[in-house]
Amino acid sequence: MAEAANRRTVMTLFSDPVSIHSHRIRLVLSEKNVTCEIEDVDPAAMPEDLLDLNPYGTVPTLVDRDLALFDTRVMCEYIDERFPHPPLLPVDPVTRANIRQYMSRIESDWYPMAEDILAGGKAATKARKELKEALTASAPIFAASPFFMSEEYTLVDATLAPLLWRLDVLGIELTGAASKQVLTYAATMFKRAGFIKSLTEGEREMRGKK
């Protein structure tokens, strides 16, 4: 693994152009304004050099010199520590722990629902209903601060924004007064320069963008 990584002199991200997980890493890189070579990968035909770097053969995979990472949260935190400005995790250990816990809950609860919907089948209808209800129930949290449970943009926002961008393709329409708070938050995230830069052509097409 180290030899394969060492051949690369520029930070490289192996990325699925439409994967929520890959989008999350591209967004963190964009928000940090990190120069990184993005290599689009077809998950059905993984390149051999990626398989050499990542024993699971999955994307995203981030390669930085002799380091190869394939856990998305580890990638997010590594990028934030490697390029400390602007910081996407708070300095205070209590607040930092809370941010990490929010990320964990989104990854464990909401991301799997989105994946079940995209996979189709019997689980999709139930997952769509549950994700819509979860987002609606969280509306007061979205409205409480400029960012999710924070006065500053953090890795939680970089985790949430790719999910909210995919609501149309997930078949989730948020309506009602409470949902407006979620949609207002989402619109603010989508206007950020880092978010716009992070989008692939396939992701722009998800919402009819060019």
C-alpha atoms as a PDB file:
ATOM      1  CA  MET A   1       0.000   0.000   0.000  1.00  0.00           C
ATOM      2  CA  ALA A   2       2.743   2.479   0.938  1.00  0.00           C
ATOM      3  CA  GLU A   3       4.594   1.965  -2.361  1.00  0.00           C
ATOM      4  CA  ALA A   4       1.476   2.685  -4.403  1.00  0.00           C
ATOM      5  CA  ALA A   5       0.785   5.832  -2.395  1.00  0.00           C
ATOM      6  CA  ASN A   6       4.380   7.019  -2.596  1.00  0.00           C
ATOM      7  CA  ARG A   7       4.183   7.237  -6.372  1.00  0.00           C
ATOM      8  CA  ARG A   8       1.757  10.138  -5.995  1.00  0.00           C
ATOM      9  CA  THR A   9       3.247  13.554  -5.323  1.00  0.00           C
ATOM     10  CA  VAL A  10      -0.098  15.411  -5.261  1.00  0.00           C
ATOM     11  CA  MET A  11      -2.970  14.716  -2.865  1.00  0.00           C
ATOM     12  CA  THR A  12      -5.453  12.573  -4.796  1.00  0.00           C
ATOM     13  CA  LEU A  13      -9.082  11.724  -4.160  1.00  0.00           C
ATOM     14  CA  PHE A  14     -10.600   8.714  -5.865  1.00  0.00           C
ATOM     15  CA  SER A  15     -14.215   9.805  -6.111  1.00  0.00           C
ATOM     16  CA  ASP A  16     -17.554   8.468  -7.321  1.00  0.00           C
ATOM     17  CA  PRO A  17     -19.074  11.499  -9.154  1.00  0.00           C
ATOM     18  CA  VAL A  18     -22.567  10.914  -7.717  1.00  0.00           C
ATOM     19  CA  SER A  19     -21.850   9.318  -4.321  1.00  0.00           C
ATOM     20  CA  ILE A  20     -22.937  11.217  -1.224  1.00  0.00           C
ATOM     21  CA  HIS A  21     -19.801  10.000   0.578  1.00  0.00           C
ATOM     22  CA  SER A  22     -17.459  11.223  -2.157  1.00  0.00           C
ATOM     23  CA  HIS A  23     -19.355  14.525  -2.341  1.00  0.00           C
ATOM     24  CA  ARG A  24     -18.792  15.004   1.372  1.00  0.00           C
ATOM     25  CA  ILE A  25     -15.010  14.765   0.971  1.00  0.00           C
ATOM     26  CA  ARG A  26     -14.978  16.975  -2.126  1.00  0.00           C
ATOM     27  CA  LEU A  27     -16.956  19.547  -0.144  1.00  0.00           C
ATOM     28  CA  VAL A  28     -14.499  19.553   2.756  1.00  0.00           C
ATOM     29  CA  LEU A  29     -11.611  19.959   0.310  1.00  0.00           C
ATOM     30  CA  SER A  30     -13.425  22.843  -1.391  1.00  0.00           C
ATOM     31  CA  GLU A  31     -14.300  24.598   1.872  1.00  0.00           C
ATOM     32  CA  LYS A  32     -10.644  24.358   2.904  1.00  0.00           C
ATOM     33  CA  ASN A  33      -9.547  25.447  -0.602  1.00  0.00           C
ATOM     34  CA  VAL A  34      -7.181  22.478  -0.814  1.00  0.00           C
ATOM     35  CA  THR A  35      -5.519  21.645  -4.113  1.00  0.00           C
ATOM     36  CA  CYS A  36      -6.336  18.015  -4.794  1.00  0.00           C
ATOM     37  CA  GLU A  37      -6.402  15.865  -7.904  1.00  0.00           C
ATOM     38  CA  ILE A  38      -9.864  14.326  -8.275  1.00  0.00           C
ATOM     39  CA  GLU A  39      -9.988  10.988 -10.082  1.00  0.00           C
ATOM     40  CA  ASP A  40     -13.522   9.952 -11.000  1.00  0.00           C
ATOM     41  CA  VAL A  41     -14.083   6.246 -10.490  1.00  0.00           C
ATOM     42  CA  ASP A  42     -16.790   3.869 -11.671  1.00  0.00           C
ATOM     43  CA  PRO A  43     -17.595   1.731  -8.587  1.00  0.00           C
ATOM     44  CA  ALA A  44     -18.358  -1.183 -10.889  1.00  0.00           C
ATOM     45  CA  ALA A  45     -14.857  -1.074 -12.417  1.00  0.00           C
ATOM     46  CA  MET A  46     -12.342  -0.016  -9.786  1.00  0.00           C
ATOM     47  CA  PRO A  47      -8.865   0.842 -11.153  1.00  0.00           C
ATOM     48  CA  GLU A  48      -6.079  -1.500 -10.137  1.00  0.00           C
ATOM     49  CA  ASP A  49      -4.032   1.192  -8.388  1.00  0.00           C
ATOM     50  CA  LEU A  50      -7.013   1.992  -6.141  1.00  0.00           C
ATOM     51  CA  LEU A  51      -7.331  -1.670  -5.184  1.00  0.00           C
ATOM     52  CA  ASP A  52      -3.647  -1.609  -4.237  1.00  0.00           C
ATOM     53  CA  LEU A  53      -4.231   1.369  -1.944  1.00  0.00           C
ATOM     54  CA  ASN A  54      -7.532   0.389  -0.342  1.00  0.00           C
ATOM     55  CA  PRO A  55      -8.094  -3.205   0.821  1.00  0.00           C
ATOM     56  CA  TYR A  56     -11.870  -2.667   0.687  1.00  0.00           C
ATOM     57  CA  GLY A  57     -11.821  -1.384  -2.874  1.00  0.00           C
ATOM     58  CA  THR A  58     -14.190   1.476  -2.048  1.00  0.00           C
ATOM     59  CA  VAL A  59     -14.533   5.156  -2.819  1.00  0.00           C
ATOM     60  CA  PRO A  60     -13.887   7.733  -1.657  1.00  0.00           C
ATOM     61  CA  THR A  61     -10.229   6.983  -1.060  1.00  0.00           C
ATOM     62  CA  LEU A  62      -7.867   9.835  -0.202  1.00  0.00           C
ATOM     63  CA  VAL A  63      -4.152   9.516  -0.913  1.00  0.00           C
ATOM     64  CA  ASP A  64      -1.615  11.987   0.491  1.00  0.00           C
ATOM     65  CA  ARG A  65       1.999  10.974  -0.120  1.00  0.00           C
ATOM     66  CA  ASP A  66       2.454   7.663   1.731  1.00  0.00           C
ATOM     67  CA  LEU A  67      -0.954   7.840   3.443  1.00  0.00           C
ATOM     68  CA  ALA A  68      -4.108   6.212   2.070  1.00  0.00           C
ATOM     69  CA  LEU A  69      -7.426   6.798   3.861  1.00  0.00           C
ATOM     70  CA  PHE A  70     -10.746   5.120   3.150  1.00  0.00           C
ATOM     71  CA  ASP A  71     -12.976   6.039   6.117  1.00  0.00           C
ATOM     72  CA  THR A  72     -14.893   9.216   5.298  1.00  0.00           C
ATOM     73  CA  ARG A  73     -14.915  10.701   8.792  1.00  0.00           C
ATOM     74  CA  VAL A  74     -11.193  10.008   9.196  1.00  0.00           C
ATOM     75  CA  MET A  75     -10.662  11.780   5.855  1.00  0.00           C
ATOM     76  CA  CYS A  76     -12.705  14.792   6.957  1.00  0.00           C
ATOM     77  CA  GLU A  77     -10.776  15.202  10.190  1.00  0.00           C
ATOM     78  CA  TYR A  78      -7.407  14.564   8.542  1.00  0.00           C
ATOM     79  CA  ILE A  79      -8.039  17.305   5.953  1.00  0.00           C
ATOM     80  CA  ASP A  80      -9.116  19.684   8.719  1.00  0.00           C
ATOM     81  CA  GLU A  81      -5.979  18.998  10.756  1.00  0.00           C
ATOM     82  CA  ARG A  82      -3.620  18.918   7.769  1.00  0.00           C
ATOM     83  CA  PHE A  83      -4.927  22.279   6.525  1.00  0.00           C
ATOM     84  CA  PRO A  84      -5.961  24.127   9.698  1.00  0.00           C
ATOM     85  CA  HIS A  85      -7.445  27.259   8.108  1.00  0.00           C
ATOM     86  CA  PRO A  86     -10.335  27.762   8.119  1.00  0.00           C
ATOM     87  CA  PRO A  87     -10.961  25.319  10.983  1.00  0.00           C
ATOM     88  CA  LEU A  88     -14.009  23.081  10.544  1.00  0.00           C
ATOM     89  CA  LEU A  89     -13.885  21.663  14.069  1.00  0.00           C
ATOM     90  CA  PRO A  90     -14.069  23.885  17.163  1.00  0.00           C
ATOM     91  CA  VAL A  91     -11.110  24.157  19.521  1.00  0.00           C
ATOM     92  CA  ASP A  92     -13.147  23.588  22.676  1.00  0.00           C
ATOM     93  CA  PRO A  93     -13.057  19.826  23.456  1.00  0.00           C
ATOM     94  CA  VAL A  94     -16.692  19.650  24.610  1.00  0.00           C
ATOM     95  CA  THR A  95     -18.029  21.405  21.526  1.00  0.00           C
ATOM     96  CA  ARG A  96     -15.698  19.354  19.330  1.00  0.00           C
ATOM     97  CA  ALA A  97     -17.021  16.141  20.883  1.00  0.00           C
ATOM     98  CA  ASN A  98     -20.597  17.273  20.251  1.00  0.00           C
ATOM     99  CA  ILE A  99     -19.799  18.038  16.603  1.00  0.00           C
ATOM    100  CA  ARG A 100     -18.292  14.575  16.190  1.00  0.00           C
ATOM    101  CA  GLN A 101     -21.374  13.034  17.774  1.00  0.00           C
ATOM    102  CA  TYR A 102     -23.695  14.918  15.406  1.00  0.00           C
ATOM    103  CA  MET A 103     -21.643  13.639  12.463  1.00  0.00           C
ATOM    104  CA  SER A 104     -21.841  10.105  13.800  1.00  0.00           C
ATOM    105  CA  ARG A 105     -25.624  10.267  14.127  1.00  0.00           C
ATOM    106  CA  ILE A 106     -26.080  11.595  10.589  1.00  0.00           C
ATOM    107  CA  GLU A 107     -23.777   8.881   9.242  1.00  0.00           C
ATOM    108  CA  SER A 108     -25.485   6.154  11.259  1.00  0.00           C
ATOM    109  CA  ASP A 109     -29.113   7.259  10.895  1.00  0.00           C
ATOM    110  CA  TRP A 110     -29.713   9.477   7.861  1.00  0.00           C
ATOM    111  CA  TYR A 111     -27.108   8.321   5.343  1.00  0.00           C
ATOM    112  CA  PRO A 112     -28.257   4.657   5.490  1.00  0.00           C
ATOM    113  CA  MET A 113     -31.841   5.798   4.860  1.00  0.00           C
ATOM    114  CA  ALA A 114     -30.710   7.668   1.749  1.00  0.00           C
ATOM    115  CA  GLU A 115     -28.810   4.599   0.575  1.00  0.00           C
ATOM    116  CA  ASP A 116     -31.874   2.376   1.117  1.00  0.00           C
ATOM    117  CA  ILE A 117     -33.984   4.777  -0.958  1.00  0.00           C
ATOM    118  CA  LEU A 118     -31.482   4.831  -3.809  1.00  0.00           C
ATOM    119  CA  ALA A 119     -31.226   1.038  -3.733  1.00  0.00           C
ATOM    120  CA  GLY A 120     -34.982   0.744  -4.275  1.00  0.00           C
ATOM    121  CA  GLY A 121     -36.937  -2.310  -3.234  1.00  0.00           C
ATOM    122  CA  LYS A 122     -39.177  -2.799  -0.219  1.00  0.00           C
ATOM    123  CA  ALA A 123     -36.953  -0.823   2.156  1.00  0.00           C
ATOM    124  CA  ALA A 124     -37.098   2.357   0.053  1.00  0.00           C
ATOM    125  CA  THR A 125     -40.643   3.446   0.940  1.00  0.00           C
ATOM    126  CA  LYS A 126     -40.080   3.010   4.673  1.00  0.00           C
ATOM    127  CA  ALA A 127     -36.711   4.774   4.538  1.00  0.00           C
ATOM    128  CA  ARG A 128     -38.161   7.699   2.558  1.00  0.00           C
ATOM    129  CA  LYS A 129     -40.921   8.189   5.142  1.00  0.00           C
ATOM    130  CA  GLU A 130     -38.496   7.948   8.061  1.00  0.00           C
ATOM    131  CA  LEU A 131     -35.954  10.351   6.562  1.00  0.00           C
ATOM    132  CA  LYS A 132     -38.631  12.924   5.765  1.00  0.00           C
ATOM    133  CA  GLU A 133     -39.991  12.679   9.310  1.00  0.00           C
ATOM    134  CA  ALA A 134     -36.501  12.930  10.818  1.00  0.00           C
ATOM    135  CA  LEU A 135     -35.654  16.061   8.830  1.00  0.00           C
ATOM    136  CA  THR A 136     -38.990  17.696   9.655  1.00  0.00           C
ATOM    137  CA  ALA A 137     -38.617  16.898  13.357  1.00  0.00           C
ATOM    138  CA  SER A 138     -35.141  18.483  13.312  1.00  0.00           C
ATOM    139  CA  ALA A 139     -36.411  21.781  11.859  1.00  0.00           C
ATOM    140  CA  PRO A 140     -36.025  23.714  15.151  1.00  0.00           C
ATOM    141  CA  ILE A 141     -32.338  22.706  15.261  1.00  0.00           C
ATOM    142  CA  PHE A 142     -31.785  24.024  11.732  1.00  0.00           C
ATOM    143  CA  ALA A 143     -33.402  27.312  12.750  1.00  0.00           C
ATOM    144  CA  ALA A 144     -31.562  27.744  16.056  1.00  0.00           C
ATOM    145  CA  SER A 145     -28.174  28.816  14.653  1.00  0.00           C
ATOM    146  CA  PRO A 146     -26.698  30.093  11.384  1.00  0.00           C
ATOM    147  CA  PHE A 147     -25.159  26.640  10.936  1.00  0.00           C
ATOM    148  CA  PHE A 148     -26.127  23.246  12.362  1.00  0.00           C
ATOM    149  CA  MET A 149     -25.819  23.632  16.151  1.00  0.00           C
ATOM    150  CA  SER A 150     -23.036  26.151  15.636  1.00  0.00           C
ATOM    151  CA  GLU A 151     -22.297  29.797  14.924  1.00  0.00           C
ATOM    152  CA  GLU A 152     -19.599  28.719  12.472  1.00  0.00           C
ATOM    153  CA  TYR A 153     -19.489  26.321   9.519  1.00  0.00           C
ATOM    154  CA  THR A 154     -18.275  22.893  10.671  1.00  0.00           C
ATOM    155  CA  LEU A 155     -17.820  19.355   9.409  1.00  0.00           C
ATOM    156  CA  VAL A 156     -21.454  18.691  10.369  1.00  0.00           C
ATOM    157  CA  ASP A 157     -22.590  21.147   7.694  1.00  0.00           C
ATOM    158  CA  ALA A 158     -20.285  19.463   5.198  1.00  0.00           C
ATOM    159  CA  THR A 159     -21.969  16.170   6.136  1.00  0.00           C
ATOM    160  CA  LEU A 160     -25.524  17.487   5.884  1.00  0.00           C
ATOM    161  CA  ALA A 161     -25.324  19.559   2.709  1.00  0.00           C
ATOM    162  CA  PRO A 162     -24.674  16.628   0.302  1.00  0.00           C
ATOM    163  CA  LEU A 163     -27.669  14.800   1.796  1.00  0.00           C
ATOM    164  CA  LEU A 164     -29.995  17.791   1.448  1.00  0.00           C
ATOM    165  CA  TRP A 165     -28.816  18.349  -2.137  1.00  0.00           C
ATOM    166  CA  ARG A 166     -30.133  14.870  -2.971  1.00  0.00           C
ATOM    167  CA  LEU A 167     -33.672  15.305  -1.615  1.00  0.00           C
ATOM    168  CA  ASP A 168     -35.131  15.562  -5.117  1.00  0.00           C
ATOM    169  CA  VAL A 169     -33.552  12.321  -6.344  1.00  0.00           C
ATOM    170  CA  LEU A 170     -34.565  10.673  -3.071  1.00  0.00           C
ATOM    171  CA  GLY A 171     -38.176  11.614  -3.782  1.00  0.00           C
ATOM    172  CA  ILE A 172     -38.483  13.667  -0.585  1.00  0.00           C
ATOM    173  CA  GLU A 173     -40.527  16.855  -0.720  1.00  0.00           C
ATOM    174  CA  LEU A 174     -40.489  18.914   2.449  1.00  0.00           C
ATOM    175  CA  THR A 175     -43.614  20.977   3.004  1.00  0.00           C
ATOM    176  CA  GLY A 176     -45.139  22.992   5.815  1.00  0.00           C
ATOM    177  CA  ALA A 177     -43.852  25.695   8.133  1.00  0.00           C
ATOM    178  CA  ALA A 178     -41.362  23.466   9.929  1.00  0.00           C
ATOM    179  CA  SER A 179     -39.846  22.209   6.688  1.00  0.00           C
ATOM    180  CA  LYS A 180     -39.230  25.798   5.573  1.00  0.00           C
ATOM    181  CA  GLN A 181     -36.510  26.076   8.221  1.00  0.00           C
ATOM    182  CA  VAL A 182     -34.701  23.049   6.778  1.00  0.00           C
ATOM    183  CA  LEU A 183     -35.013  24.374   3.225  1.00  0.00           C
ATOM    184  CA  THR A 184     -33.754  27.820   4.242  1.00  0.00           C
ATOM    185  CA  TYR A 185     -30.701  26.225   5.822  1.00  0.00           C
ATOM    186  CA  ALA A 186     -30.159  24.089   2.713  1.00  0.00           C
ATOM    187  CA  ALA A 187     -30.384  27.094   0.384  1.00  0.00           C
ATOM    188  CA  THR A 188     -27.748  28.889   2.472  1.00  0.00           C
ATOM    189  CA  MET A 189     -25.420  25.889   2.241  1.00  0.00           C
ATOM    190  CA  PHE A 190     -25.921  25.564  -1.529  1.00  0.00           C
ATOM    191  CA  LYS A 191     -24.937  29.207  -2.129  1.00  0.00           C
ATOM    192  CA  ARG A 192     -21.532  28.807  -0.538  1.00  0.00           C
ATOM    193  CA  ALA A 193     -18.635  29.029  -2.978  1.00  0.00           C
ATOM    194  CA  GLY A 194     -17.130  25.846  -1.556  1.00  0.00           C
ATOM    195  CA  PHE A 195     -20.323  23.905  -2.141  1.00  0.00           C
ATOM    196  CA  ILE A 196     -20.721  25.117  -5.721  1.00  0.00           C
ATOM    197  CA  LYS A 197     -17.110  24.198  -6.448  1.00  0.00           C
ATOM    198  CA  SER A 198     -17.588  20.711  -4.978  1.00  0.00           C
ATOM    199  CA  LEU A 199     -20.361  19.697  -7.391  1.00  0.00           C
ATOM    200  CA  THR A 200     -19.724  17.308 -10.249  1.00  0.00           C
ATOM    201  CA  GLU A 201     -21.692  17.440 -13.489  1.00  0.00           C
ATOM    202  CA  GLY A 202     -23.744  14.459 -12.342  1.00  0.00           C
ATOM    203  CA  GLU A 203     -24.605  16.168  -9.063  1.00  0.00           C
ATOM    204  CA  ARG A 204     -25.624  19.386 -10.801  1.00  0.00           C
ATOM    205  CA  GLU A 205     -28.028  17.357 -12.913  1.00  0.00           C
ATOM    206  CA  MET A 206     -29.701  16.058  -9.739  1.00  0.00           C
ATOM    207  CA  ARG A 207     -31.316  19.468  -9.350  1.00  0.00           C
ATOM    208  CA  GLY A 208     -31.481  20.512 -12.974  1.00  0.00           C
ATOM    209  CA  LYS A 209     -28.350  22.667 -12.757  1.00  0.00           C
ATOM    210  CA  LYS A 210     -25.744  23.157 -15.488  1.00  0.00           C
END
